[in-house]
C-alpha atoms as a PDB file:
ATOM      1  CA  MET A   1       0.000   0.000   0.000  1.00  0.00           C
ATOM      2  CA  GLN A   2       1.256   3.459  -0.890  1.00  0.00           C
ATOM      3  CA  THR A   3      -0.100   6.927  -0.269  1.00  0.00           C
ATOM      4  CA  ASN A   4       0.462  10.363  -1.682  1.00  0.00           C
ATOM      5  CA  ASN A   5      -1.027  13.820  -1.368  1.00  0.00           C
ATOM      6  CA  LYS A   6      -0.814  15.987  -4.453  1.00  0.00           C
ATOM      7  CA  ASN A   7      -2.790  19.094  -5.270  1.00  0.00           C
ATOM      8  CA  GLY A   8      -5.220  18.473  -2.434  1.00  0.00           C
ATOM      9  CA  ASN A   9      -6.064  14.939  -3.637  1.00  0.00           C
ATOM     10  CA  ILE A  10      -5.105  11.990  -1.502  1.00  0.00           C
ATOM     11  CA  ALA A  11      -4.395   8.720  -3.280  1.00  0.00           C
ATOM     12  CA  ILE A  12      -4.013   5.297  -1.726  1.00  0.00           C
ATOM     13  CA  ILE A  13      -2.576   2.623  -3.994  1.00  0.00           C
ATOM     14  CA  PHE A  14      -3.419  -0.984  -3.137  1.00  0.00           C
ATOM     15  CA  ASN A  15      -1.997  -4.107  -4.686  1.00  0.00           C
ATOM     16  CA  GLU A  16      -4.519  -6.664  -6.020  1.00  0.00           C
ATOM     17  CA  GLU A  17      -4.644  -8.675  -2.800  1.00  0.00           C
ATOM     18  CA  GLU A  18      -5.149  -5.625  -0.593  1.00  0.00           C
ATOM     19  CA  ALA A  19      -7.898  -4.285  -2.845  1.00  0.00           C
ATOM     20  CA  LEU A  20      -9.660  -7.642  -2.914  1.00  0.00           C
ATOM     21  CA  VAL A  21      -9.607  -8.099   0.860  1.00  0.00           C
ATOM     22  CA  LEU A  22     -10.781  -4.534   1.433  1.00  0.00           C
ATOM     23  CA  LEU A  23     -13.549  -4.900  -1.149  1.00  0.00           C
ATOM     24  CA  GLU A  24     -14.819  -8.088   0.478  1.00  0.00           C
ATOM     25  CA  TRP A  25     -14.799  -6.459   3.909  1.00  0.00           C
ATOM     26  CA  LEU A  26     -16.603  -3.355   2.637  1.00  0.00           C
ATOM     27  CA  HIS A  27     -19.190  -5.483   0.869  1.00  0.00           C
ATOM     28  CA  ASN A  28     -19.888  -7.471   4.043  1.00  0.00           C
ATOM     29  CA  PHE A  29     -19.873  -4.371   6.230  1.00  0.00           C
ATOM     30  CA  ASN A  30     -22.181  -2.413   3.924  1.00  0.00           C
ATOM     31  CA  GLN A  31     -24.702  -5.278   3.884  1.00  0.00           C
ATOM     32  CA  GLU A  32     -25.280  -4.962   7.625  1.00  0.00           C
ATOM     33  CA  GLU A  33     -26.971  -2.198   9.580  1.00  0.00           C
ATOM     34  CA  HIS A  34     -24.387  -0.166  11.500  1.00  0.00           C
ATOM     35  CA  SER A  35     -26.272   3.060  12.052  1.00  0.00           C
ATOM     36  CA  THR A  36     -24.906   3.500  15.580  1.00  0.00           C
ATOM     37  CA  LEU A  37     -21.309   3.484  14.308  1.00  0.00           C
ATOM     38  CA  PHE A  38     -21.703   6.564  12.134  1.00  0.00           C
ATOM     39  CA  GLN A  39     -21.700  10.117  13.390  1.00  0.00           C
ATOM     40  CA  ASP A  40     -22.871  11.404  10.012  1.00  0.00           C
ATOM     41  CA  GLN A  41     -24.406   9.856   6.878  1.00  0.00           C
ATOM     42  CA  ALA A  42     -21.404  11.136   4.889  1.00  0.00           C
ATOM     43  CA  GLU A  43     -19.250   8.479   6.567  1.00  0.00           C
ATOM     44  CA  LYS A  44     -21.557   5.713   5.338  1.00  0.00           C
ATOM     45  CA  ARG A  45     -21.665   7.294   1.864  1.00  0.00           C
ATOM     46  CA  ILE A  46     -17.856   7.212   1.635  1.00  0.00           C
ATOM     47  CA  LEU A  47     -17.746   3.493   2.447  1.00  0.00           C
ATOM     48  CA  PHE A  48     -20.342   2.748  -0.237  1.00  0.00           C
ATOM     49  CA  ASP A  49     -18.415   4.880  -2.731  1.00  0.00           C
ATOM     50  CA  ILE A  50     -15.114   3.138  -1.981  1.00  0.00           C
ATOM     51  CA  GLU A  51     -16.804  -0.237  -2.430  1.00  0.00           C
ATOM     52  CA  ALA A  52     -18.257   0.863  -5.782  1.00  0.00           C
ATOM     53  CA  GLU A  53     -14.894   2.141  -7.024  1.00  0.00           C
ATOM     54  CA  LEU A  54     -13.123  -1.065  -6.001  1.00  0.00           C
ATOM     55  CA  GLU A  55     -15.781  -3.159  -7.751  1.00  0.00           C
ATOM     56  CA  LYS A  56     -14.849  -1.408 -11.001  1.00  0.00           C
ATOM     57  CA  VAL A  57     -11.184  -2.423 -10.858  1.00  0.00           C
ATOM     58  CA  VAL A  58     -10.966  -5.714  -8.943  1.00  0.00           C
ATOM     59  CA  SER A  59     -11.466  -8.332 -11.640  1.00  0.00           C
ATOM     60  CA  ALA A  60     -11.281 -11.341  -9.301  1.00  0.00           C
ATOM     61  CA  THR A  61     -14.874 -10.742  -8.186  1.00  0.00           C
ATOM     62  CA  PHE A  62     -16.021 -12.271 -11.493  1.00  0.00           C
ATOM     63  CA  ASP A  63     -13.780 -15.341 -11.268  1.00  0.00           C
ATOM     64  CA  ASN A  64     -15.339 -18.765 -10.771  1.00  0.00           C
ATOM     65  CA  ASN A  65     -12.791 -19.467  -8.030  1.00  0.00           C
ATOM     66  CA  TYR A  66     -13.311 -16.133  -6.257  1.00  0.00           C
ATOM     67  CA  ARG A  67     -13.377 -17.667  -2.766  1.00  0.00           C
ATOM     68  CA  GLU A  68     -10.052 -19.410  -3.358  1.00  0.00           C
ATOM     69  CA  ILE A  69      -8.473 -16.193  -4.682  1.00  0.00           C
ATOM     70  CA  LEU A  70      -9.811 -14.296  -1.654  1.00  0.00           C
ATOM     71  CA  LEU A  71      -8.455 -16.920   0.752  1.00  0.00           C
ATOM     72  CA  LYS A  72      -4.995 -16.731  -0.826  1.00  0.00           C
ATOM     73  CA  ALA A  73      -5.067 -12.926  -0.696  1.00  0.00           C
ATOM     74  CA  ARG A  74      -6.000 -12.966   2.993  1.00  0.00           C
ATOM     75  CA  GLN A  75      -3.225 -15.467   3.740  1.00  0.00           C
ATOM     76  CA  LYS A  76      -0.664 -13.345   1.919  1.00  0.00           C
ATOM     77  CA  ILE A  77      -1.626 -10.182   3.809  1.00  0.00           C
ATOM     78  CA  ARG A  78      -1.937 -11.612   7.323  1.00  0.00           C
ATOM     79  CA  ASP A  79       0.698 -10.835   9.909  1.00  0.00           C
ATOM     80  CA  VAL A  80       3.134 -13.662  10.507  1.00  0.00           C
ATOM     81  CA  GLU A  81       2.503 -15.201  13.913  1.00  0.00           C
END
């Protein structure tokens, strides 16, 4: 993961595995009701928008072996115990 701040725009660059794991988490999170976690609706809107943007660029979501790809991505990202 990389970040930069140029011209007032903040960019976060994820590798494929990071984007996939984040997308899956956002999808699961956004499916549930978490109204008590948000101080303002704008916070919820941002999470939906990030999920939508990731859906556009993470091609693994359309793979027949999506769950296997997700599992491997999670394993690669996890902290070593």
